[in-house]
């Protein structure tokens, strides 16, 4: 009997690959991130963000378990765990952070993953923002990691993680970042069927409404009814 896959799998379950979803396990890479990454205490690009993107990519792997191979799933999860490895936590060209992530991956790459290095690097590069490649031209795995990476603001901890976290990294006030959330979500577009089902328009609309109401409270300014 094959193990039961849980879409709410804990970090240990995902790292150990208890559900035997992908090839091998991620113990080595998780240890590297936990013990060696220099960005784990960053305000936004931190340990929580790395694990959150890995968790979402794991859920996407379950969704596409009949489409993606176990090797493709492994590549995707490694890329998710390393996509912001050693992020500077500061405003600046994201290409610098992508370079640091790839350097960390190369330094700690396992022998059994050497043949997949270019594919994992391509997945990491898909998260570079502003995006350098249109989503329509990306592989499914690249679309998954990009969708997962830009969904942080749709989580319950979004005010702490996004508003206060990014304000610290960008050198802006929390209110400035909060005001950026409405247009961001109004223009938010997911490309995978998984993400569209995971983050429905209703969820996105709820976040827009919550941001608007918080701005109204903080600014003490009424919001005009449309």
Protein backbone atom coordinates (compact mmCIF):
# COMPACT_ATOMS: atom_id res chain seq x y z
CA UNK A 1 0.00 0.00 0.00
CA UNK A 2 1.41 3.40 -0.97
CA UNK A 3 1.64 6.11 1.71
CA UNK A 4 -1.20 8.61 2.01
CA UNK A 5 -0.34 12.04 0.64
CA UNK A 6 -1.45 15.01 2.71
CA UNK A 7 -1.79 18.40 1.03
CA UNK A 8 -1.29 19.89 4.49
CA UNK A 9 1.99 18.04 4.98
CA UNK A 10 4.32 19.42 7.63
CA UNK A 11 7.84 20.52 6.81
CA UNK A 12 9.35 17.28 8.21
CA UNK A 13 6.90 15.19 6.16
CA UNK A 14 7.82 17.05 2.99
CA UNK A 15 11.57 16.97 3.64
CA UNK A 16 11.55 13.25 4.48
CA UNK A 17 9.22 12.60 1.54
CA UNK A 18 6.94 10.49 3.70
CA UNK A 19 4.42 10.26 0.86
CA UNK A 20 7.08 9.05 -1.60
CA UNK A 21 5.91 11.71 -4.01
CA UNK A 22 9.27 12.69 -5.51
CA UNK A 23 12.69 11.10 -5.88
CA UNK A 24 14.71 10.65 -2.68
CA UNK A 25 14.36 13.22 0.09
CA UNK A 26 15.44 16.78 0.87
CA UNK A 27 17.25 16.16 4.17
CA UNK A 28 20.64 17.29 2.86
CA UNK A 29 19.31 20.49 1.30
CA UNK A 30 17.16 21.34 4.29
CA UNK A 31 20.17 20.96 6.60
CA UNK A 32 22.19 23.24 4.32
CA UNK A 33 19.51 25.93 4.34
CA UNK A 34 18.87 25.64 8.09
CA UNK A 35 22.54 25.69 9.07
CA UNK A 36 24.28 27.75 6.39
CA UNK A 37 21.91 30.21 4.67
CA UNK A 38 22.62 33.83 5.60
CA UNK A 39 19.11 35.16 5.03
CA UNK A 40 17.09 33.17 7.59
CA UNK A 41 16.39 36.19 9.80
CA UNK A 42 15.63 38.64 7.00
CA UNK A 43 12.38 40.59 7.47
CA UNK A 44 10.74 39.05 4.37
CA UNK A 45 13.13 36.84 2.40
CA UNK A 46 13.63 34.58 5.38
CA UNK A 47 13.34 30.96 6.47
CA UNK A 48 9.56 31.14 6.56
CA UNK A 49 9.41 32.34 2.97
CA UNK A 50 11.73 29.59 1.72
CA UNK A 51 9.70 26.89 3.46
CA UNK A 52 6.39 28.44 2.40
CA UNK A 53 7.34 28.34 -1.28
CA UNK A 54 8.59 24.76 -0.87
CA UNK A 55 5.30 23.79 0.81
CA UNK A 56 3.23 25.34 -1.98
CA UNK A 57 5.33 23.66 -4.65
CA UNK A 58 4.80 20.37 -2.82
CA UNK A 59 1.04 20.93 -2.96
CA UNK A 60 1.38 21.68 -6.67
CA UNK A 61 3.33 18.44 -7.13
CA UNK A 62 0.42 16.53 -5.60
CA UNK A 63 -1.96 18.35 -7.95
CA UNK A 64 0.22 17.47 -10.97
CA UNK A 65 1.34 14.04 -9.77
CA UNK A 66 0.11 12.49 -13.02
CA UNK A 67 1.84 15.15 -15.14
CA UNK A 68 5.22 15.78 -13.54
CA UNK A 69 7.79 13.03 -13.16
CA UNK A 70 9.29 12.30 -9.75
CA UNK A 71 12.57 13.78 -10.99
CA UNK A 72 10.82 16.98 -12.09
CA UNK A 73 9.17 17.21 -8.69
CA UNK A 74 12.51 16.81 -6.93
CA UNK A 75 14.07 19.54 -9.08
CA UNK A 76 11.15 21.86 -8.33
CA UNK A 77 11.34 21.34 -4.57
CA UNK A 78 15.11 21.84 -4.46
CA UNK A 79 14.71 25.05 -6.46
CA UNK A 80 11.94 26.24 -4.11
CA UNK A 81 14.12 25.68 -1.06
CA UNK A 82 17.07 27.52 -2.64
CA UNK A 83 15.34 30.21 -4.70
CA UNK A 84 16.19 32.97 -2.17
CA UNK A 85 19.21 31.32 -0.53
CA UNK A 86 21.50 34.03 0.93
CA UNK A 87 19.14 36.82 -0.21
CA UNK A 88 20.61 40.20 0.77
CA UNK A 89 17.37 41.37 2.38
CA UNK A 90 17.86 44.75 0.74
CA UNK A 91 16.43 46.63 -2.20
CA UNK A 92 18.46 46.21 -5.35
CA UNK A 93 18.76 44.19 -8.56
CA UNK A 94 17.21 40.78 -8.00
CA UNK A 95 19.79 39.32 -10.36
CA UNK A 96 22.27 39.67 -7.48
CA UNK A 97 20.07 37.53 -5.25
CA UNK A 98 19.51 34.97 -8.00
CA UNK A 99 23.27 34.71 -8.41
CA UNK A 100 23.74 34.14 -4.68
CA UNK A 101 21.03 31.46 -4.70
CA UNK A 102 22.62 29.61 -7.60
CA UNK A 103 26.06 29.85 -6.01
CA UNK A 104 24.71 28.29 -2.83
CA UNK A 105 23.01 25.53 -4.78
CA UNK A 106 26.17 24.72 -6.77
CA UNK A 107 28.31 24.64 -3.64
CA UNK A 108 26.06 22.15 -1.90
CA UNK A 109 24.72 20.14 -4.85
CA UNK A 110 24.57 16.40 -4.31
CA UNK A 111 26.20 14.09 -6.85
CA UNK A 112 22.86 12.55 -7.79
CA UNK A 113 21.52 15.98 -8.75
CA UNK A 114 24.42 17.12 -10.93
CA UNK A 115 22.68 16.06 -14.14
CA UNK A 116 19.70 18.23 -13.19
CA UNK A 117 21.68 21.35 -12.25
CA UNK A 118 20.75 23.36 -15.34
CA UNK A 119 17.07 22.55 -14.87
CA UNK A 120 17.13 23.57 -11.20
CA UNK A 121 18.96 26.79 -12.10
CA UNK A 122 16.31 27.54 -14.73
CA UNK A 123 13.63 27.14 -12.07
CA UNK A 124 15.41 29.53 -9.72
CA UNK A 125 15.87 32.09 -12.51
CA UNK A 126 12.11 31.96 -13.20
CA UNK A 127 11.57 33.77 -9.87
CA UNK A 128 13.77 36.77 -10.72
CA UNK A 129 11.68 39.93 -10.35
CA UNK A 130 10.88 41.97 -12.39
CA UNK A 131 10.30 38.89 -14.48
CA UNK A 132 12.73 38.43 -17.36
CA UNK A 133 10.71 35.70 -19.07
CA UNK A 134 6.96 35.84 -19.89
CA UNK A 135 5.06 33.15 -17.99
CA UNK A 136 3.42 31.87 -21.16
CA UNK A 137 6.81 30.66 -22.42
CA UNK A 138 7.81 28.90 -19.21
CA UNK A 139 7.60 25.20 -18.46
CA UNK A 140 4.92 24.00 -16.06
CA UNK A 141 7.48 23.64 -13.26
CA UNK A 142 8.71 27.20 -13.80
CA UNK A 143 5.14 28.49 -13.74
CA UNK A 144 4.50 26.62 -10.49
CA UNK A 145 7.47 28.11 -8.62
CA UNK A 146 6.62 31.59 -9.91
CA UNK A 147 2.98 31.26 -8.81
CA UNK A 148 4.09 29.95 -5.41
CA UNK A 149 6.62 32.74 -4.95
CA UNK A 150 4.16 35.58 -5.53
CA UNK A 151 1.37 34.23 -3.32
CA UNK A 152 2.92 35.12 0.06
CA UNK A 153 0.52 38.04 0.55
CA UNK A 154 -2.44 35.65 0.39
CA UNK A 155 -1.44 33.88 3.62
CA UNK A 156 -2.75 34.60 7.11
CA UNK A 157 0.57 36.12 8.22
CA UNK A 158 0.69 38.58 5.34
CA UNK A 159 0.73 41.78 7.41
CA UNK A 160 3.81 40.78 9.38
CA UNK A 161 5.57 39.01 6.52
CA UNK A 162 4.72 41.32 3.64
CA UNK A 163 3.83 44.73 5.04
CA UNK A 164 6.39 44.97 7.83
CA UNK A 165 8.88 42.60 6.22
CA UNK A 166 9.10 44.28 2.84
CA UNK A 167 8.92 47.77 4.33
CA UNK A 168 12.08 46.97 6.29
CA UNK A 169 13.87 45.50 3.28
CA UNK A 170 12.78 48.25 0.90
CA UNK A 171 13.32 51.17 3.27
CA UNK A 172 9.66 52.22 3.07
CA UNK A 173 7.03 52.81 5.73
CA UNK A 174 4.61 49.95 6.49
CA UNK A 175 1.73 52.14 5.31
CA UNK A 176 3.45 52.71 1.96
CA UNK A 177 3.79 48.97 1.43
CA UNK A 178 0.23 48.38 2.60
CA UNK A 179 -1.03 50.83 -0.01
CA UNK A 180 0.83 48.85 -2.66
CA UNK A 181 -1.17 45.72 -1.88
CA UNK A 182 -4.43 46.77 -3.52
CA UNK A 183 -2.99 47.43 -7.01
CA UNK A 184 -0.71 44.39 -6.67
CA UNK A 185 -3.63 42.06 -6.07
CA UNK A 186 -5.86 43.77 -8.61
CA UNK A 187 -3.25 42.92 -11.24
CA UNK A 188 -2.30 39.54 -9.80
CA UNK A 189 -2.46 36.79 -12.40
CA UNK A 190 -1.71 33.12 -11.81
CA UNK A 191 -0.77 30.88 -14.71
CA UNK A 192 -1.18 27.34 -13.43
CA UNK A 193 -4.50 25.63 -12.92
CA UNK A 194 -3.25 24.56 -9.50
CA UNK A 195 -2.72 28.15 -8.34
CA UNK A 196 -6.03 29.31 -9.78
CA UNK A 197 -7.79 26.68 -7.66
CA UNK A 198 -5.58 27.28 -4.63
CA UNK A 199 -5.93 31.08 -4.69
CA UNK A 200 -9.37 31.79 -6.06
CA UNK A 201 -10.60 35.20 -7.12
CA UNK A 202 -12.69 35.25 -3.96
CA UNK A 203 -9.53 34.94 -1.84
CA UNK A 204 -7.80 37.67 -3.83
CA UNK A 205 -10.83 39.95 -3.49
CA UNK A 206 -10.88 39.36 0.25
CA UNK A 207 -7.26 40.48 0.49
CA UNK A 208 -8.00 43.62 -1.55
CA UNK A 209 -10.92 44.43 0.75
CA UNK A 210 -8.85 43.79 3.88
CA UNK A 211 -6.05 46.03 2.62
CA UNK A 212 -8.50 48.80 1.73
CA UNK A 213 -10.16 48.66 5.15
CA UNK A 214 -6.82 48.71 6.96
CA UNK A 215 -5.71 51.73 4.94
CA UNK A 216 -8.96 53.45 5.82
CA UNK A 217 -8.42 52.79 9.54
CA UNK A 218 -4.78 53.87 9.49
CA UNK A 219 -5.38 56.96 7.36
CA UNK A 220 -8.66 57.85 9.01
CA UNK A 221 -10.01 58.60 5.55
CA UNK A 222 -13.33 57.29 4.27
CA UNK A 223 -13.20 55.11 1.18
CA UNK A 224 -15.58 56.22 -1.54
CA UNK A 225 -18.23 53.68 -2.43
CA UNK A 226 -18.02 52.49 -6.02
